[in-house]
């Protein structure tokens, strides 16, 4: 799953998305929940930097999040990660800590050069 700050960090680092994720996961697709799409669209609208939302859309599967009762984006990401075992791409320290405490996997950008999977 993709968190807003994780995607932006990935793009800022100019990491080759296909190569980096294929190297870790093999075949992959991103899952983006509606609140993250909203945050990314607002960010893109308010900034001149292209955060490659078209690429993210092409690499993402449709996700129906009607079952989610949590309002906060981080709570939704944590819930879905725990429920489905999906790793979360994020650089948010608090979210990473919560995911780690719940035995969830995190994908993070390291040193603005690469990504790594933390179990």
N, C-alpha and C. Protein backbone atom coordinates (compact mmCIF):
# COMPACT_ATOMS: atom_id res chain seq x y z
N UNK A 1 0.85 -1.17 0.00
CA UNK A 1 0.00 0.00 0.00
C UNK A 1 0.89 1.23 0.00
N UNK A 2 0.34 2.31 -0.47
CA UNK A 2 1.10 3.54 -0.61
C UNK A 2 0.57 4.59 0.35
N UNK A 3 1.47 5.18 1.11
CA UNK A 3 1.17 6.35 1.93
C UNK A 3 1.65 7.57 1.15
N UNK A 4 1.00 8.69 1.34
CA UNK A 4 1.32 9.91 0.59
C UNK A 4 2.80 10.27 0.70
N UNK A 5 3.32 10.34 1.91
CA UNK A 5 4.71 10.77 2.10
C UNK A 5 5.68 9.74 1.52
N UNK A 6 5.30 8.47 1.53
CA UNK A 6 6.15 7.44 0.95
C UNK A 6 6.28 7.59 -0.55
N UNK A 7 5.16 7.86 -1.22
CA UNK A 7 5.20 8.04 -2.68
C UNK A 7 6.00 9.27 -3.04
N UNK A 8 5.79 10.36 -2.33
CA UNK A 8 6.51 11.60 -2.63
C UNK A 8 8.01 11.40 -2.40
N UNK A 9 8.38 10.70 -1.32
CA UNK A 9 9.80 10.43 -1.06
C UNK A 9 10.41 9.57 -2.17
N UNK A 10 9.66 8.61 -2.64
CA UNK A 10 10.11 7.74 -3.73
C UNK A 10 10.37 8.56 -4.99
N UNK A 11 9.46 9.45 -5.31
CA UNK A 11 9.62 10.29 -6.50
C UNK A 11 10.75 11.29 -6.31
N UNK A 12 10.83 11.90 -5.13
CA UNK A 12 11.92 12.84 -4.85
C UNK A 12 13.30 12.19 -4.99
N UNK A 13 13.38 10.92 -4.61
CA UNK A 13 14.65 10.20 -4.68
C UNK A 13 14.98 9.74 -6.10
N UNK A 14 14.04 9.93 -7.02
CA UNK A 14 14.21 9.54 -8.42
C UNK A 14 14.57 8.06 -8.56
N UNK A 15 13.91 7.26 -7.75
CA UNK A 15 14.12 5.81 -7.78
C UNK A 15 13.30 5.23 -8.92
N UNK A 16 13.89 4.30 -9.66
CA UNK A 16 13.17 3.60 -10.71
C UNK A 16 12.17 2.66 -10.04
N UNK A 17 10.91 3.03 -10.09
CA UNK A 17 9.86 2.30 -9.38
C UNK A 17 9.80 0.84 -9.80
N UNK A 18 9.76 0.59 -11.10
CA UNK A 18 9.65 -0.78 -11.59
C UNK A 18 10.81 -1.64 -11.12
N UNK A 19 12.00 -1.15 -11.30
CA UNK A 19 13.19 -1.92 -10.93
C UNK A 19 13.23 -2.17 -9.42
N UNK A 20 13.02 -1.13 -8.63
CA UNK A 20 13.15 -1.25 -7.18
C UNK A 20 12.13 -2.22 -6.58
N UNK A 21 10.88 -2.10 -7.00
CA UNK A 21 9.84 -2.96 -6.43
C UNK A 21 9.91 -4.39 -6.98
N UNK A 22 10.26 -4.53 -8.25
CA UNK A 22 10.41 -5.86 -8.83
C UNK A 22 11.56 -6.60 -8.16
N UNK A 23 12.61 -5.88 -7.81
CA UNK A 23 13.76 -6.50 -7.15
C UNK A 23 13.38 -7.08 -5.79
N UNK A 24 12.49 -6.40 -5.07
CA UNK A 24 12.08 -6.86 -3.74
C UNK A 24 10.93 -7.86 -3.82
N UNK A 25 9.92 -7.55 -4.63
CA UNK A 25 8.67 -8.32 -4.60
C UNK A 25 8.45 -9.22 -5.81
N UNK A 26 9.23 -9.05 -6.86
CA UNK A 26 8.91 -9.72 -8.12
C UNK A 26 7.73 -8.98 -8.73
N UNK A 27 6.68 -9.71 -9.04
CA UNK A 27 5.48 -9.05 -9.56
C UNK A 27 4.82 -8.27 -8.42
N UNK A 28 4.37 -7.07 -8.72
CA UNK A 28 3.77 -6.23 -7.69
C UNK A 28 2.71 -5.33 -8.30
N UNK A 29 1.87 -4.81 -7.45
CA UNK A 29 0.97 -3.71 -7.81
C UNK A 29 0.73 -2.90 -6.54
N UNK A 30 0.49 -1.63 -6.72
CA UNK A 30 0.25 -0.76 -5.58
C UNK A 30 -1.23 -0.77 -5.23
N UNK A 31 -1.51 -0.58 -3.98
CA UNK A 31 -2.86 -0.37 -3.48
C UNK A 31 -2.87 1.02 -2.88
N UNK A 32 -3.79 1.85 -3.37
CA UNK A 32 -3.90 3.23 -2.89
C UNK A 32 -5.33 3.44 -2.41
N UNK A 33 -5.48 3.76 -1.14
CA UNK A 33 -6.81 4.00 -0.60
C UNK A 33 -7.25 5.43 -0.93
N UNK A 34 -8.55 5.64 -0.92
CA UNK A 34 -9.11 6.94 -1.33
C UNK A 34 -8.50 8.14 -0.60
N UNK A 35 -8.33 8.11 0.72
CA UNK A 35 -7.74 9.29 1.38
C UNK A 35 -6.33 9.61 0.88
N UNK A 36 -5.57 8.59 0.52
CA UNK A 36 -4.23 8.84 -0.01
C UNK A 36 -4.33 9.46 -1.40
N UNK A 37 -5.25 8.96 -2.24
CA UNK A 37 -5.46 9.60 -3.55
C UNK A 37 -5.80 11.07 -3.37
N UNK A 38 -6.69 11.35 -2.42
CA UNK A 38 -7.08 12.75 -2.18
C UNK A 38 -5.88 13.59 -1.77
N UNK A 39 -5.06 13.07 -0.85
CA UNK A 39 -3.87 13.81 -0.40
C UNK A 39 -2.89 14.03 -1.55
N UNK A 40 -2.67 13.00 -2.35
CA UNK A 40 -1.76 13.13 -3.48
C UNK A 40 -2.26 14.13 -4.51
N UNK A 41 -3.55 14.10 -4.80
CA UNK A 41 -4.13 15.05 -5.75
C UNK A 41 -4.01 16.48 -5.25
N UNK A 42 -4.24 16.70 -3.97
CA UNK A 42 -4.10 18.04 -3.38
C UNK A 42 -2.64 18.48 -3.46
N UNK A 43 -1.73 17.59 -3.12
CA UNK A 43 -0.30 17.92 -3.20
C UNK A 43 0.07 18.31 -4.62
N UNK A 44 -0.36 17.50 -5.60
CA UNK A 44 -0.02 17.78 -7.00
C UNK A 44 -0.60 19.11 -7.47
N UNK A 45 -1.82 19.39 -7.04
CA UNK A 45 -2.47 20.64 -7.43
C UNK A 45 -1.74 21.86 -6.87
N UNK A 46 -1.19 21.73 -5.67
CA UNK A 46 -0.56 22.86 -4.99
C UNK A 46 0.94 22.96 -5.20
N UNK A 47 1.52 22.05 -5.98
CA UNK A 47 2.96 22.06 -6.20
C UNK A 47 3.26 21.89 -7.68
N UNK A 48 4.32 22.52 -8.11
CA UNK A 48 4.69 22.44 -9.52
C UNK A 48 5.43 21.14 -9.83
N UNK A 49 5.99 20.48 -8.82
CA UNK A 49 6.71 19.23 -9.02
C UNK A 49 5.75 18.12 -9.43
N UNK A 50 6.10 17.42 -10.50
CA UNK A 50 5.29 16.30 -10.97
C UNK A 50 5.58 15.08 -10.11
N UNK A 51 4.58 14.56 -9.40
CA UNK A 51 4.78 13.38 -8.56
C UNK A 51 4.29 12.11 -9.25
N UNK A 52 4.18 12.16 -10.55
CA UNK A 52 3.92 10.97 -11.39
C UNK A 52 2.68 10.19 -10.97
N UNK A 53 1.59 10.90 -10.79
CA UNK A 53 0.35 10.23 -10.41
C UNK A 53 -0.17 9.32 -11.52
N UNK A 54 0.09 9.65 -12.77
CA UNK A 54 -0.32 8.77 -13.87
C UNK A 54 0.38 7.41 -13.77
N UNK A 55 1.67 7.42 -13.42
CA UNK A 55 2.41 6.18 -13.23
C UNK A 55 1.81 5.38 -12.08
N UNK A 56 1.51 6.05 -10.98
CA UNK A 56 0.92 5.37 -9.83
C UNK A 56 -0.43 4.76 -10.19
N UNK A 57 -1.24 5.48 -10.95
CA UNK A 57 -2.54 4.94 -11.37
C UNK A 57 -2.37 3.68 -12.22
N UNK A 58 -1.40 3.71 -13.13
CA UNK A 58 -1.16 2.55 -14.00
C UNK A 58 -0.69 1.34 -13.21
N UNK A 59 0.04 1.58 -12.13
CA UNK A 59 0.63 0.49 -11.34
C UNK A 59 -0.26 0.08 -10.17
N UNK A 60 -1.44 0.69 -10.06
CA UNK A 60 -2.32 0.43 -8.92
C UNK A 60 -3.53 -0.39 -9.32
N UNK A 61 -3.97 -1.20 -8.38
CA UNK A 61 -5.22 -1.93 -8.59
C UNK A 61 -6.36 -1.14 -7.97
N UNK A 62 -7.55 -1.36 -8.50
CA UNK A 62 -8.72 -0.73 -7.91
C UNK A 62 -8.93 -1.32 -6.53
N UNK A 63 -9.28 -0.48 -5.60
CA UNK A 63 -9.50 -0.94 -4.24
C UNK A 63 -10.78 -0.33 -3.70
N UNK A 64 -11.66 -1.18 -3.24
CA UNK A 64 -12.91 -0.74 -2.64
C UNK A 64 -12.71 -0.67 -1.14
N UNK A 65 -12.75 0.53 -0.60
CA UNK A 65 -12.50 0.69 0.84
C UNK A 65 -13.78 1.02 1.61
N UNK A 66 -14.90 0.55 1.12
CA UNK A 66 -16.17 0.80 1.80
C UNK A 66 -16.24 0.17 3.18
N UNK A 67 -15.46 -0.89 3.40
CA UNK A 67 -15.49 -1.57 4.69
C UNK A 67 -14.75 -0.80 5.78
N UNK A 68 -14.00 0.21 5.40
CA UNK A 68 -13.21 0.93 6.38
C UNK A 68 -14.07 1.88 7.20
N UNK A 69 -13.97 1.74 8.51
CA UNK A 69 -14.74 2.63 9.38
C UNK A 69 -13.84 3.70 10.01
N UNK A 70 -12.54 3.47 9.97
CA UNK A 70 -11.60 4.45 10.51
C UNK A 70 -11.62 5.69 9.63
N UNK A 71 -11.50 6.84 10.25
CA UNK A 71 -11.48 8.09 9.49
C UNK A 71 -10.06 8.50 9.12
N UNK A 72 -9.10 8.29 10.00
CA UNK A 72 -7.74 8.76 9.79
C UNK A 72 -7.00 7.85 8.80
N UNK A 73 -6.30 8.43 7.87
CA UNK A 73 -5.60 7.69 6.83
C UNK A 73 -4.64 6.66 7.42
N UNK A 74 -3.83 7.07 8.39
CA UNK A 74 -2.86 6.14 8.99
C UNK A 74 -3.56 4.95 9.64
N UNK A 75 -4.70 5.19 10.28
CA UNK A 75 -5.45 4.10 10.89
C UNK A 75 -5.96 3.12 9.83
N UNK A 76 -6.38 3.65 8.70
CA UNK A 76 -6.84 2.79 7.60
C UNK A 76 -5.69 1.95 7.05
N UNK A 77 -4.54 2.58 6.85
CA UNK A 77 -3.38 1.85 6.34
C UNK A 77 -2.96 0.75 7.32
N UNK A 78 -2.94 1.07 8.60
CA UNK A 78 -2.58 0.08 9.62
C UNK A 78 -3.57 -1.07 9.63
N UNK A 79 -4.86 -0.77 9.61
CA UNK A 79 -5.90 -1.79 9.62
C UNK A 79 -5.74 -2.74 8.44
N UNK A 80 -5.59 -2.18 7.25
CA UNK A 80 -5.49 -3.01 6.04
C UNK A 80 -4.20 -3.80 5.99
N UNK A 81 -3.13 -3.23 6.48
CA UNK A 81 -1.87 -3.94 6.52
C UNK A 81 -1.95 -5.13 7.46
N UNK A 82 -2.54 -4.93 8.62
CA UNK A 82 -2.71 -6.03 9.58
C UNK A 82 -3.64 -7.10 9.01
N UNK A 83 -4.74 -6.67 8.42
CA UNK A 83 -5.75 -7.59 7.92
C UNK A 83 -5.24 -8.43 6.74
N UNK A 84 -4.52 -7.79 5.83
CA UNK A 84 -4.15 -8.45 4.57
C UNK A 84 -2.67 -8.79 4.44
N UNK A 85 -1.87 -8.35 5.39
CA UNK A 85 -0.43 -8.60 5.30
C UNK A 85 0.27 -7.76 4.25
N UNK A 86 -0.34 -6.66 3.87
CA UNK A 86 0.24 -5.80 2.84
C UNK A 86 1.29 -4.87 3.44
N UNK A 87 2.47 -4.79 2.84
CA UNK A 87 3.46 -3.82 3.29
C UNK A 87 3.01 -2.40 2.93
N UNK A 88 3.48 -1.44 3.69
CA UNK A 88 3.10 -0.04 3.48
C UNK A 88 4.35 0.76 3.11
N UNK A 89 4.30 1.45 1.97
CA UNK A 89 5.37 2.36 1.57
C UNK A 89 5.15 3.67 2.31
N UNK A 90 6.07 3.99 3.23
CA UNK A 90 5.95 5.22 4.00
C UNK A 90 7.31 5.64 4.53
N UNK A 91 7.43 6.93 4.81
CA UNK A 91 8.60 7.45 5.52
C UNK A 91 8.16 8.13 6.82
N UNK A 92 6.89 8.05 7.11
CA UNK A 92 6.33 8.65 8.32
C UNK A 92 6.78 7.85 9.55
N UNK A 93 7.54 8.48 10.43
CA UNK A 93 8.13 7.77 11.57
C UNK A 93 7.07 7.19 12.49
N UNK A 94 6.03 7.95 12.78
CA UNK A 94 4.99 7.46 13.69
C UNK A 94 4.24 6.28 13.08
N UNK A 95 3.92 6.38 11.80
CA UNK A 95 3.23 5.28 11.14
C UNK A 95 4.12 4.04 11.08
N UNK A 96 5.40 4.23 10.75
CA UNK A 96 6.32 3.09 10.72
C UNK A 96 6.39 2.41 12.08
N UNK A 97 6.42 3.20 13.13
CA UNK A 97 6.47 2.63 14.48
C UNK A 97 5.21 1.83 14.79
N UNK A 98 4.05 2.38 14.43
CA UNK A 98 2.79 1.67 14.66
C UNK A 98 2.73 0.38 13.85
N UNK A 99 3.19 0.44 12.61
CA UNK A 99 3.21 -0.76 11.78
C UNK A 99 4.15 -1.81 12.37
N UNK A 100 5.32 -1.38 12.78
CA UNK A 100 6.28 -2.29 13.38
C UNK A 100 5.71 -2.93 14.64
N UNK A 101 5.07 -2.12 15.50
CA UNK A 101 4.47 -2.63 16.74
C UNK A 101 3.37 -3.66 16.47
N UNK A 102 2.77 -3.59 15.27
CA UNK A 102 1.71 -4.53 14.89
C UNK A 102 2.23 -5.65 14.00
N UNK A 103 3.56 -5.78 13.91
CA UNK A 103 4.19 -6.82 13.09
C UNK A 103 3.82 -6.71 11.61
N UNK A 104 3.67 -5.50 11.14
CA UNK A 104 3.38 -5.25 9.73
C UNK A 104 4.68 -4.87 9.01
N UNK A 105 4.71 -5.10 7.72
CA UNK A 105 5.89 -4.79 6.92
C UNK A 105 5.84 -3.35 6.41
N UNK A 106 7.04 -2.76 6.31
CA UNK A 106 7.17 -1.38 5.83
C UNK A 106 8.17 -1.36 4.69
N UNK A 107 7.85 -0.60 3.67
CA UNK A 107 8.80 -0.30 2.61
C UNK A 107 9.16 1.17 2.79
N UNK A 108 10.46 1.43 2.89
CA UNK A 108 10.88 2.81 3.12
C UNK A 108 11.98 3.20 2.14
N UNK A 109 12.06 4.49 1.89
CA UNK A 109 13.12 5.05 1.07
C UNK A 109 14.32 5.26 1.99
N UNK A 110 15.47 4.79 1.56
CA UNK A 110 16.69 4.85 2.36
C UNK A 110 17.71 5.72 1.67
N UNK A 111 18.16 6.75 2.37
CA UNK A 111 19.23 7.58 1.86
C UNK A 111 18.96 8.22 0.51
N UNK A 112 17.70 8.43 0.19
CA UNK A 112 17.33 9.02 -1.10
C UNK A 112 17.93 8.27 -2.28
N UNK A 113 18.19 6.97 -2.10
CA UNK A 113 18.84 6.21 -3.18
C UNK A 113 18.16 4.90 -3.50
N UNK A 114 17.51 4.29 -2.50
CA UNK A 114 16.92 2.97 -2.71
C UNK A 114 15.75 2.76 -1.75
N UNK A 115 15.06 1.65 -1.97
CA UNK A 115 14.00 1.28 -1.02
C UNK A 115 14.43 -0.01 -0.34
N UNK A 116 13.86 -0.23 0.85
CA UNK A 116 14.09 -1.48 1.54
C UNK A 116 12.82 -1.92 2.23
N UNK A 117 12.69 -3.22 2.36
CA UNK A 117 11.55 -3.84 3.04
C UNK A 117 11.98 -4.17 4.45
N UNK A 118 11.20 -3.68 5.42
CA UNK A 118 11.47 -3.95 6.83
C UNK A 118 10.34 -4.80 7.36
N UNK A 119 10.67 -5.94 7.91
CA UNK A 119 9.65 -6.83 8.46
C UNK A 119 9.50 -6.61 9.94
